Amino acid sequence: MQTTQEEDVKQLSLSLPDPFAAFRQAFEAFDAEHDAQDARGGPMDREALSDKAKVMLEALPHGHPQAGVLATAIEDGIAKERVHLIYWAAEGVLWKAKAAA
């Protein structure tokens, strides 16, 4: 079951301009992996989530001002099993993109 925050991030990503299409797709893949792991239960597969999150980071347009924030959130979120940090950082990227559009 998706949280309100996850749904908000998804809806926000759908309203972004085309330069963020790759980021949107990468976010959706990360979210799907997270949802699948939640459904399976058990320990977090850090490597799988990390791989999906890194693709999301690489999908940001070059020089995006939130790249450092997202990178730190990915590192801390995976290491500390606090995936919400990654969602918060992704949401920040999306809000800044929407504001700039």
PDB file of N, CA and C in Angstrom:
ATOM      1  N   MET A   1       0.840  -1.181   0.000  1.00  0.00           N
ATOM      2  CA  MET A   1       0.000   0.000   0.000  1.00  0.00           C
ATOM      3  C   MET A   1       0.886   1.246   0.000  1.00  0.00           C
ATOM      4  N   GLN A   2       0.563   2.166  -0.846  1.00  0.00           N
ATOM      5  CA  GLN A   2       1.370   3.375  -0.963  1.00  0.00           C
ATOM      6  C   GLN A   2       0.972   4.397   0.087  1.00  0.00           C
ATOM      7  N   THR A   3       1.988   5.113   0.553  1.00  0.00           N
ATOM      8  CA  THR A   3       1.717   6.188   1.488  1.00  0.00           C
ATOM      9  C   THR A   3       1.277   7.415   0.714  1.00  0.00           C
ATOM     10  N   THR A   4       0.736   8.365   1.428  1.00  0.00           N
ATOM     11  CA  THR A   4       0.321   9.616   0.796  1.00  0.00           C
ATOM     12  C   THR A   4       1.519  10.310   0.162  1.00  0.00           C
ATOM     13  N   GLN A   5       2.661  10.283   0.841  1.00  0.00           N
ATOM     14  CA  GLN A   5       3.856  10.924   0.302  1.00  0.00           C
ATOM     15  C   GLN A   5       4.263  10.285  -1.025  1.00  0.00           C
ATOM     16  N   GLU A   6       4.269   8.964  -1.107  1.00  0.00           N
ATOM     17  CA  GLU A   6       4.634   8.280  -2.340  1.00  0.00           C
ATOM     18  C   GLU A   6       3.684   8.676  -3.464  1.00  0.00           C
ATOM     19  N   GLU A   7       2.393   8.725  -3.167  1.00  0.00           N
ATOM     20  CA  GLU A   7       1.408   9.096  -4.187  1.00  0.00           C
ATOM     21  C   GLU A   7       1.587  10.554  -4.606  1.00  0.00           C
ATOM     22  N   ASP A   8       1.867  11.430  -3.653  1.00  0.00           N
ATOM     23  CA  ASP A   8       2.112  12.838  -3.976  1.00  0.00           C
ATOM     24  C   ASP A   8       3.312  12.994  -4.904  1.00  0.00           C
ATOM     25  N   VAL A   9       4.375  12.259  -4.628  1.00  0.00           N
ATOM     26  CA  VAL A   9       5.575  12.330  -5.462  1.00  0.00           C
ATOM     27  C   VAL A   9       5.257  11.821  -6.871  1.00  0.00           C
ATOM     28  N   LYS A  10       4.505  10.742  -6.960  1.00  0.00           N
ATOM     29  CA  LYS A  10       4.131  10.218  -8.281  1.00  0.00           C
ATOM     30  C   LYS A  10       3.316  11.234  -9.067  1.00  0.00           C
ATOM     31  N   GLN A  11       2.320  11.844  -8.429  1.00  0.00           N
ATOM     32  CA  GLN A  11       1.487  12.825  -9.122  1.00  0.00           C
ATOM     33  C   GLN A  11       2.300  14.040  -9.553  1.00  0.00           C
ATOM     34  N   LEU A  12       3.187  14.480  -8.696  1.00  0.00           N
ATOM     35  CA  LEU A  12       4.037  15.614  -9.030  1.00  0.00           C
ATOM     36  C   LEU A  12       4.939  15.280 -10.209  1.00  0.00           C
ATOM     37  N   SER A  13       5.485  14.081 -10.244  1.00  0.00           N
ATOM     38  CA  SER A  13       6.389  13.700 -11.325  1.00  0.00           C
ATOM     39  C   SER A  13       5.672  13.671 -12.677  1.00  0.00           C
ATOM     40  N   LEU A  14       4.397  13.374 -12.670  1.00  0.00           N
ATOM     41  CA  LEU A  14       3.647  13.317 -13.919  1.00  0.00           C
ATOM     42  C   LEU A  14       3.449  14.691 -14.542  1.00  0.00           C
ATOM     43  N   SER A  15       3.604  15.739 -13.745  1.00  0.00           N
ATOM     44  CA  SER A  15       3.364  17.090 -14.256  1.00  0.00           C
ATOM     45  C   SER A  15       4.646  17.789 -14.729  1.00  0.00           C
ATOM     46  N   LEU A  16       5.751  17.081 -14.753  1.00  0.00           N
ATOM     47  CA  LEU A  16       7.020  17.712 -15.103  1.00  0.00           C
ATOM     48  C   LEU A  16       7.256  17.749 -16.614  1.00  0.00           C
ATOM     49  N   PRO A  17       8.087  18.697 -17.051  1.00  0.00           N
ATOM     50  CA  PRO A  17       8.424  18.771 -18.474  1.00  0.00           C
ATOM     51  C   PRO A  17       9.301  17.593 -18.910  1.00  0.00           C
ATOM     52  N   ASP A  18       9.429  17.420 -20.211  1.00  0.00           N
ATOM     53  CA  ASP A  18      10.149  16.289 -20.789  1.00  0.00           C
ATOM     54  C   ASP A  18      11.582  16.077 -20.305  1.00  0.00           C
ATOM     55  N   PRO A  19      12.364  17.118 -19.982  1.00  0.00           N
ATOM     56  CA  PRO A  19      13.727  16.836 -19.521  1.00  0.00           C
ATOM     57  C   PRO A  19      13.760  15.954 -18.265  1.00  0.00           C
ATOM     58  N   PHE A  20      12.635  15.830 -17.595  1.00  0.00           N
ATOM     59  CA  PHE A  20      12.584  15.010 -16.399  1.00  0.00           C
ATOM     60  C   PHE A  20      11.921  13.660 -16.648  1.00  0.00           C
ATOM     61  N   ALA A  21      11.685  13.320 -17.890  1.00  0.00           N
ATOM     62  CA  ALA A  21      11.053  12.039 -18.203  1.00  0.00           C
ATOM     63  C   ALA A  21      11.909  10.874 -17.709  1.00  0.00           C
ATOM     64  N   ALA A  22      13.215  10.940 -17.902  1.00  0.00           N
ATOM     65  CA  ALA A  22      14.100   9.862 -17.459  1.00  0.00           C
ATOM     66  C   ALA A  22      14.093   9.763 -15.931  1.00  0.00           C
ATOM     67  N   PHE A  23      14.088  10.916 -15.266  1.00  0.00           N
ATOM     68  CA  PHE A  23      14.037  10.908 -13.805  1.00  0.00           C
ATOM     69  C   PHE A  23      12.723  10.298 -13.337  1.00  0.00           C
ATOM     70  N   ARG A  24      11.638  10.678 -13.986  1.00  0.00           N
ATOM     71  CA  ARG A  24      10.316  10.150 -13.634  1.00  0.00           C
ATOM     72  C   ARG A  24      10.311   8.622 -13.759  1.00  0.00           C
ATOM     73  N   GLN A  25      10.844   8.115 -14.863  1.00  0.00           N
ATOM     74  CA  GLN A  25      10.879   6.666 -15.082  1.00  0.00           C
ATOM     75  C   GLN A  25      11.756   5.974 -14.033  1.00  0.00           C
ATOM     76  N   ALA A  26      12.888   6.590 -13.731  1.00  0.00           N
ATOM     77  CA  ALA A  26      13.785   6.009 -12.733  1.00  0.00           C
ATOM     78  C   ALA A  26      13.142   6.023 -11.349  1.00  0.00           C
ATOM     79  N   PHE A  27      12.433   7.105 -11.036  1.00  0.00           N
ATOM     80  CA  PHE A  27      11.726   7.165  -9.757  1.00  0.00           C
ATOM     81  C   PHE A  27      10.666   6.074  -9.688  1.00  0.00           C
ATOM     82  N   GLU A  28       9.920   5.892 -10.761  1.00  0.00           N
ATOM     83  CA  GLU A  28       8.870   4.872 -10.783  1.00  0.00           C
ATOM     84  C   GLU A  28       9.462   3.473 -10.603  1.00  0.00           C
ATOM     85  N   ALA A  29      10.639   3.224 -11.186  1.00  0.00           N
ATOM     86  CA  ALA A  29      11.305   1.924 -11.019  1.00  0.00           C
ATOM     87  C   ALA A  29      11.763   1.741  -9.566  1.00  0.00           C
ATOM     88  N   PHE A  30      12.305   2.797  -8.979  1.00  0.00           N
ATOM     89  CA  PHE A  30      12.703   2.742  -7.572  1.00  0.00           C
ATOM     90  C   PHE A  30      11.485   2.470  -6.688  1.00  0.00           C
ATOM     91  N   ASP A  31      10.410   3.189  -6.930  1.00  0.00           N
ATOM     92  CA  ASP A  31       9.197   3.036  -6.140  1.00  0.00           C
ATOM     93  C   ASP A  31       8.624   1.622  -6.277  1.00  0.00           C
ATOM     94  N   ALA A  32       8.652   1.086  -7.486  1.00  0.00           N
ATOM     95  CA  ALA A  32       8.142  -0.267  -7.711  1.00  0.00           C
ATOM     96  C   ALA A  32       8.989  -1.295  -6.958  1.00  0.00           C
ATOM     97  N   GLU A  33      10.305  -1.109  -6.968  1.00  0.00           N
ATOM     98  CA  GLU A  33      11.188  -2.012  -6.224  1.00  0.00           C
ATOM     99  C   GLU A  33      10.896  -1.929  -4.729  1.00  0.00           C
ATOM    100  N   HIS A  34      10.718  -0.720  -4.242  1.00  0.00           N
ATOM    101  CA  HIS A  34      10.415  -0.544  -2.817  1.00  0.00           C
ATOM    102  C   HIS A  34       9.087  -1.207  -2.459  1.00  0.00           C
ATOM    103  N   ASP A  35       8.072  -0.997  -3.283  1.00  0.00           N
ATOM    104  CA  ASP A  35       6.764  -1.610  -3.041  1.00  0.00           C
ATOM    105  C   ASP A  35       6.850  -3.139  -3.074  1.00  0.00           C
ATOM    106  N   ALA A  36       7.622  -3.681  -4.029  1.00  0.00           N
ATOM    107  CA  ALA A  36       7.775  -5.136  -4.133  1.00  0.00           C
ATOM    108  C   ALA A  36       8.465  -5.701  -2.891  1.00  0.00           C
ATOM    109  N   GLN A  37       9.468  -4.980  -2.405  1.00  0.00           N
ATOM    110  CA  GLN A  37      10.148  -5.446  -1.196  1.00  0.00           C
ATOM    111  C   GLN A  37       9.225  -5.379   0.013  1.00  0.00           C
ATOM    112  N   ASP A  38       8.438  -4.332   0.100  1.00  0.00           N
ATOM    113  CA  ASP A  38       7.466  -4.234   1.196  1.00  0.00           C
ATOM    114  C   ASP A  38       6.480  -5.393   1.154  1.00  0.00           C
ATOM    115  N   ALA A  39       6.031  -5.738  -0.044  1.00  0.00           N
ATOM    116  CA  ALA A  39       5.054  -6.812  -0.200  1.00  0.00           C
ATOM    117  C   ALA A  39       5.647  -8.173   0.196  1.00  0.00           C
ATOM    118  N   ARG A  40       6.934  -8.362  -0.099  1.00  0.00           N
ATOM    119  CA  ARG A  40       7.598  -9.626   0.252  1.00  0.00           C
ATOM    120  C   ARG A  40       7.872  -9.729   1.744  1.00  0.00           C
ATOM    121  N   GLY A  41       8.067  -8.593   2.373  1.00  0.00           N
ATOM    122  CA  GLY A  41       8.440  -8.603   3.786  1.00  0.00           C
ATOM    123  C   GLY A  41       9.905  -8.986   3.930  1.00  0.00           C
ATOM    124  N   GLY A  42      10.333  -9.146   5.133  1.00  0.00           N
ATOM    125  CA  GLY A  42      11.718  -9.532   5.378  1.00  0.00           C
ATOM    126  C   GLY A  42      12.659  -8.349   5.311  1.00  0.00           C
ATOM    127  N   PRO A  43      13.950  -8.633   5.323  1.00  0.00           N
ATOM    128  CA  PRO A  43      14.938  -7.544   5.327  1.00  0.00           C
ATOM    129  C   PRO A  43      14.979  -6.804   3.983  1.00  0.00           C
ATOM    130  N   MET A  44      15.390  -5.550   4.065  1.00  0.00           N
ATOM    131  CA  MET A  44      15.501  -4.722   2.869  1.00  0.00           C
ATOM    132  C   MET A  44      16.656  -5.230   1.998  1.00  0.00           C
ATOM    133  N   ASP A  45      16.411  -5.324   0.703  1.00  0.00           N
ATOM    134  CA  ASP A  45      17.467  -5.653  -0.253  1.00  0.00           C
ATOM    135  C   ASP A  45      18.153  -4.343  -0.616  1.00  0.00           C
ATOM    136  N   ARG A  46      19.169  -4.011   0.143  1.00  0.00           N
ATOM    137  CA  ARG A  46      19.837  -2.721  -0.006  1.00  0.00           C
ATOM    138  C   ARG A  46      20.439  -2.537  -1.394  1.00  0.00           C
ATOM    139  N   GLU A  47      21.017  -3.597  -1.916  1.00  0.00           N
ATOM    140  CA  GLU A  47      21.673  -3.489  -3.224  1.00  0.00           C
ATOM    141  C   GLU A  47      20.666  -3.158  -4.322  1.00  0.00           C
ATOM    142  N   ALA A  48      19.531  -3.823  -4.319  1.00  0.00           N
ATOM    143  CA  ALA A  48      18.517  -3.576  -5.348  1.00  0.00           C
ATOM    144  C   ALA A  48      17.985  -2.148  -5.255  1.00  0.00           C
ATOM    145  N   LEU A  49      17.676  -1.693  -4.044  1.00  0.00           N
ATOM    146  CA  LEU A  49      17.177  -0.330  -3.885  1.00  0.00           C
ATOM    147  C   LEU A  49      18.252   0.692  -4.233  1.00  0.00           C
ATOM    148  N   SER A  50      19.473   0.421  -3.836  1.00  0.00           N
ATOM    149  CA  SER A  50      20.577   1.329  -4.139  1.00  0.00           C
ATOM    150  C   SER A  50      20.775   1.461  -5.649  1.00  0.00           C
ATOM    151  N   ASP A  51      20.731   0.332  -6.350  1.00  0.00           N
ATOM    152  CA  ASP A  51      20.894   0.363  -7.804  1.00  0.00           C
ATOM    153  C   ASP A  51      19.811   1.212  -8.464  1.00  0.00           C
ATOM    154  N   LYS A  52      18.568   1.023  -8.035  1.00  0.00           N
ATOM    155  CA  LYS A  52      17.449   1.801  -8.612  1.00  0.00           C
ATOM    156  C   LYS A  52      17.585   3.275  -8.265  1.00  0.00           C
ATOM    157  N   ALA A  53      17.996   3.569  -7.040  1.00  0.00           N
ATOM    158  CA  ALA A  53      18.143   4.959  -6.621  1.00  0.00           C
ATOM    159  C   ALA A  53      19.275   5.649  -7.378  1.00  0.00           C
ATOM    160  N   LYS A  54      20.357   4.935  -7.633  1.00  0.00           N
ATOM    161  CA  LYS A  54      21.482   5.522  -8.371  1.00  0.00           C
ATOM    162  C   LYS A  54      21.092   5.832  -9.816  1.00  0.00           C
ATOM    163  N   VAL A  55      20.245   5.002 -10.405  1.00  0.00           N
ATOM    164  CA  VAL A  55      19.747   5.288 -11.749  1.00  0.00           C
ATOM    165  C   VAL A  55      18.928   6.578 -11.722  1.00  0.00           C
ATOM    166  N   MET A  56      18.169   6.753 -10.663  1.00  0.00           N
ATOM    167  CA  MET A  56      17.379   7.972 -10.503  1.00  0.00           C
ATOM    168  C   MET A  56      18.308   9.184 -10.432  1.00  0.00           C
ATOM    169  N   LEU A  57      19.380   9.078  -9.684  1.00  0.00           N
ATOM    170  CA  LEU A  57      20.344  10.167  -9.561  1.00  0.00           C
ATOM    171  C   LEU A  57      20.995  10.474 -10.906  1.00  0.00           C
ATOM    172  N   GLU A  58      21.376   9.442 -11.633  1.00  0.00           N
ATOM    173  CA  GLU A  58      22.007   9.619 -12.942  1.00  0.00           C
ATOM    174  C   GLU A  58      21.047  10.211 -13.966  1.00  0.00           C
ATOM    175  N   ALA A  59      19.754  10.045 -13.742  1.00  0.00           N
ATOM    176  CA  ALA A  59      18.751  10.541 -14.687  1.00  0.00           C
ATOM    177  C   ALA A  59      18.465  12.032 -14.520  1.00  0.00           C
ATOM    178  N   LEU A  60      18.966  12.621 -13.450  1.00  0.00           N
ATOM    179  CA  LEU A  60      18.765  14.064 -13.279  1.00  0.00           C
ATOM    180  C   LEU A  60      19.456  14.819 -14.405  1.00  0.00           C
ATOM    181  N   PRO A  61      18.845  15.896 -14.871  1.00  0.00           N
ATOM    182  CA  PRO A  61      19.531  16.733 -15.858  1.00  0.00           C
ATOM    183  C   PRO A  61      20.887  17.197 -15.302  1.00  0.00           C
ATOM    184  N   HIS A  62      21.878  17.263 -16.156  1.00  0.00           N
ATOM    185  CA  HIS A  62      23.243  17.627 -15.760  1.00  0.00           C
ATOM    186  C   HIS A  62      23.255  18.936 -14.966  1.00  0.00           C
ATOM    187  N   GLY A  63      23.958  18.929 -13.859  1.00  0.00           N
ATOM    188  CA  GLY A  63      24.105  20.134 -13.051  1.00  0.00           C
ATOM    189  C   GLY A  63      22.904  20.497 -12.206  1.00  0.00           C
ATOM    190  N   HIS A  64      21.976  19.585 -12.032  1.00  0.00           N
ATOM    191  CA  HIS A  64      20.781  19.895 -11.250  1.00  0.00           C
ATOM    192  C   HIS A  64      21.181  20.243  -9.817  1.00  0.00           C
ATOM    193  N   PRO A  65      20.637  21.340  -9.257  1.00  0.00           N
ATOM    194  CA  PRO A  65      21.055  21.785  -7.932  1.00  0.00           C
ATOM    195  C   PRO A  65      20.708  20.822  -6.792  1.00  0.00           C
ATOM    196  N   GLN A  66      19.800  19.902  -7.005  1.00  0.00           N
ATOM    197  CA  GLN A  66      19.417  18.960  -5.952  1.00  0.00           C
ATOM    198  C   GLN A  66      20.193  17.650  -6.010  1.00  0.00           C
ATOM    199  N   ALA A  67      21.126  17.526  -6.944  1.00  0.00           N
ATOM    200  CA  ALA A  67      21.853  16.262  -7.103  1.00  0.00           C
ATOM    201  C   ALA A  67      22.591  15.854  -5.832  1.00  0.00           C
ATOM    202  N   GLY A  68      23.245  16.799  -5.185  1.00  0.00           N
ATOM    203  CA  GLY A  68      23.976  16.483  -3.958  1.00  0.00           C
ATOM    204  C   GLY A  68      23.052  16.042  -2.837  1.00  0.00           C
ATOM    205  N   VAL A  69      21.921  16.696  -2.733  1.00  0.00           N
ATOM    206  CA  VAL A  69      20.937  16.339  -1.703  1.00  0.00           C
ATOM    207  C   VAL A  69      20.429  14.921  -1.950  1.00  0.00           C
ATOM    208  N   LEU A  70      20.114  14.615  -3.205  1.00  0.00           N
ATOM    209  CA  LEU A  70      19.617  13.288  -3.539  1.00  0.00           C
ATOM    210  C   LEU A  70      20.695  12.229  -3.298  1.00  0.00           C
ATOM    211  N   ALA A  71      21.927  12.522  -3.669  1.00  0.00           N
ATOM    212  CA  ALA A  71      23.028  11.569  -3.463  1.00  0.00           C
ATOM    213  C   ALA A  71      23.207  11.249  -1.982  1.00  0.00           C
ATOM    214  N   THR A  72      23.169  12.269  -1.150  1.00  0.00           N
ATOM    215  CA  THR A  72      23.304  12.061   0.294  1.00  0.00           C
ATOM    216  C   THR A  72      22.125  11.267   0.847  1.00  0.00           C
ATOM    217  N   ALA A  73      20.926  11.583   0.383  1.00  0.00           N
ATOM    218  CA  ALA A  73      19.736  10.867   0.841  1.00  0.00           C
ATOM    219  C   ALA A  73      19.793   9.396   0.444  1.00  0.00           C
ATOM    220  N   ILE A  74      20.299   9.125  -0.750  1.00  0.00           N
ATOM    221  CA  ILE A  74      20.427   7.736  -1.196  1.00  0.00           C
ATOM    222  C   ILE A  74      21.414   7.000  -0.297  1.00  0.00           C
ATOM    223  N   GLU A  75      22.562   7.599  -0.078  1.00  0.00           N
ATOM    224  CA  GLU A  75      23.585   6.963   0.758  1.00  0.00           C
ATOM    225  C   GLU A  75      23.066   6.706   2.175  1.00  0.00           C
ATOM    226  N   ASP A  76      22.503   7.733   2.791  1.00  0.00           N
ATOM    227  CA  ASP A  76      22.004   7.595   4.162  1.00  0.00           C
ATOM    228  C   ASP A  76      20.754   6.719   4.232  1.00  0.00           C
ATOM    229  N   GLY A  77      19.873   6.886   3.263  1.00  0.00           N
ATOM    230  CA  GLY A  77      18.628   6.124   3.264  1.00  0.00           C
ATOM    231  C   GLY A  77      18.849   4.634   3.139  1.00  0.00           C
ATOM    232  N   ILE A  78      19.799   4.238   2.309  1.00  0.00           N
ATOM    233  CA  ILE A  78      20.100   2.820   2.139  1.00  0.00           C
ATOM    234  C   ILE A  78      20.871   2.299   3.351  1.00  0.00           C
ATOM    235  N   ALA A  79      21.888   3.035   3.773  1.00  0.00           N
ATOM    236  CA  ALA A  79      22.727   2.586   4.885  1.00  0.00           C
ATOM    237  C   ALA A  79      21.940   2.438   6.180  1.00  0.00           C
ATOM    238  N   LYS A  80      21.017   3.366   6.412  1.00  0.00           N
ATOM    239  CA  LYS A  80      20.270   3.372   7.676  1.00  0.00           C
ATOM    240  C   LYS A  80      18.878   2.763   7.539  1.00  0.00           C
ATOM    241  N   GLU A  81      18.590   2.209   6.357  1.00  0.00           N
ATOM    242  CA  GLU A  81      17.275   1.640   6.067  1.00  0.00           C
ATOM    243  C   GLU A  81      16.156   2.638   6.341  1.00  0.00           C
ATOM    244  N   ARG A  82      16.362   3.848   5.867  1.00  0.00           N
ATOM    245  CA  ARG A  82      15.369   4.918   5.986  1.00  0.00           C
ATOM    246  C   ARG A  82      15.032   5.425   4.586  1.00  0.00           C
ATOM    247  N   VAL A  83      14.272   4.620   3.891  1.00  0.00           N
ATOM    248  CA  VAL A  83      13.945   4.899   2.498  1.00  0.00           C
ATOM    249  C   VAL A  83      13.180   6.203   2.351  1.00  0.00           C
ATOM    250  N   HIS A  84      12.473   6.617   3.393  1.00  0.00           N
ATOM    251  CA  HIS A  84      11.731   7.879   3.315  1.00  0.00           C
ATOM    252  C   HIS A  84      12.661   9.053   3.006  1.00  0.00           C
ATOM    253  N   LEU A  85      13.933   8.972   3.386  1.00  0.00           N
ATOM    254  CA  LEU A  85      14.878  10.043   3.057  1.00  0.00           C
ATOM    255  C   LEU A  85      15.026  10.205   1.544  1.00  0.00           C
ATOM    256  N   ILE A  86      15.010   9.091   0.845  1.00  0.00           N
ATOM    257  CA  ILE A  86      15.126   9.125  -0.615  1.00  0.00           C
ATOM    258  C   ILE A  86      13.864   9.730  -1.223  1.00  0.00           C
ATOM    259  N   TYR A  87      12.712   9.351  -0.692  1.00  0.00           N
ATOM    260  CA  TYR A  87      11.460   9.929  -1.187  1.00  0.00           C
ATOM    261  C   TYR A  87      11.428  11.441  -0.959  1.00  0.00           C
ATOM    262  N   TRP A  88      11.872  11.883   0.214  1.00  0.00           N
ATOM    263  CA  TRP A  88      11.887  13.324   0.500  1.00  0.00           C
ATOM    264  C   TRP A  88      12.799  14.065  -0.470  1.00  0.00           C
ATOM    265  N   ALA A  89      13.967  13.514  -0.722  1.00  0.00           N
ATOM    266  CA  ALA A  89      14.898  14.167  -1.641  1.00  0.00           C
ATOM    267  C   ALA A  89      14.342  14.173  -3.063  1.00  0.00           C
ATOM    268  N   ALA A  90      13.751  13.072  -3.478  1.00  0.00           N
ATOM    269  CA  ALA A  90      13.148  13.016  -4.818  1.00  0.00           C
ATOM    270  C   ALA A  90      12.019  14.025  -4.929  1.00  0.00           C
ATOM    271  N   GLU A  91      11.245  14.144  -3.876  1.00  0.00           N
ATOM    272  CA  GLU A  91      10.157  15.121  -3.879  1.00  0.00           C
ATOM    273  C   GLU A  91      10.719  16.539  -4.023  1.00  0.00           C
ATOM    274  N   GLY A  92      11.830  16.820  -3.360  1.00  0.00           N
ATOM    275  CA  GLY A  92      12.473  18.128  -3.490  1.00  0.00           C
ATOM    276  C   GLY A  92      12.909  18.395  -4.914  1.00  0.00           C
ATOM    277  N   VAL A  93      13.472  17.396  -5.564  1.00  0.00           N
ATOM    278  CA  VAL A  93      13.871  17.528  -6.967  1.00  0.00           C
ATOM    279  C   VAL A  93      12.656  17.861  -7.822  1.00  0.00           C
ATOM    280  N   LEU A  94      11.580  17.135  -7.588  1.00  0.00           N
ATOM    281  CA  LEU A  94      10.375  17.320  -8.392  1.00  0.00           C
ATOM    282  C   LEU A  94       9.737  18.690  -8.171  1.00  0.00           C
ATOM    283  N   TRP A  95       9.691  19.148  -6.921  1.00  0.00           N
ATOM    284  CA  TRP A  95       9.108  20.460  -6.649  1.00  0.00           C
ATOM    285  C   TRP A  95       9.931  21.570  -7.286  1.00  0.00           C
ATOM    286  N   LYS A  96      11.254  21.458  -7.207  1.00  0.00           N
ATOM    287  CA  LYS A  96      12.104  22.477  -7.826  1.00  0.00           C
ATOM    288  C   LYS A  96      11.939  22.464  -9.345  1.00  0.00           C
ATOM    289  N   ALA A  97      11.800  21.294  -9.915  1.00  0.00           N
ATOM    290  CA  ALA A  97      11.605  21.187 -11.365  1.00  0.00           C
ATOM    291  C   ALA A  97      10.276  21.805 -11.773  1.00  0.00           C
ATOM    292  N   LYS A  98       9.256  21.534 -10.996  1.00  0.00           N
ATOM    293  CA  LYS A  98       7.934  22.089 -11.317  1.00  0.00           C
ATOM    294  C   LYS A  98       7.963  23.615 -11.187  1.00  0.00           C
ATOM    295  N   ALA A  99       8.633  24.122 -10.165  1.00  0.00           N
ATOM    296  CA  ALA A  99       8.718  25.574  -9.966  1.00  0.00           C
ATOM    297  C   ALA A  99       9.482  26.248 -11.107  1.00  0.00           C
ATOM    298  N   ALA A 100      10.468  25.559 -11.644  1.00  0.00           N
ATOM    299  CA  ALA A 100      11.275  26.132 -12.719  1.00  0.00           C
ATOM    300  C   ALA A 100      10.584  26.022 -14.076  1.00  0.00           C
ATOM    301  N   ALA A 101       9.607  25.147 -14.184  1.00  0.00           N
ATOM    302  CA  ALA A 101       8.947  24.908 -15.480  1.00  0.00           C
ATOM    303  C   ALA A 101       8.033  26.050 -15.878  1.00  0.00           C
TER     304      ALA A 101
END
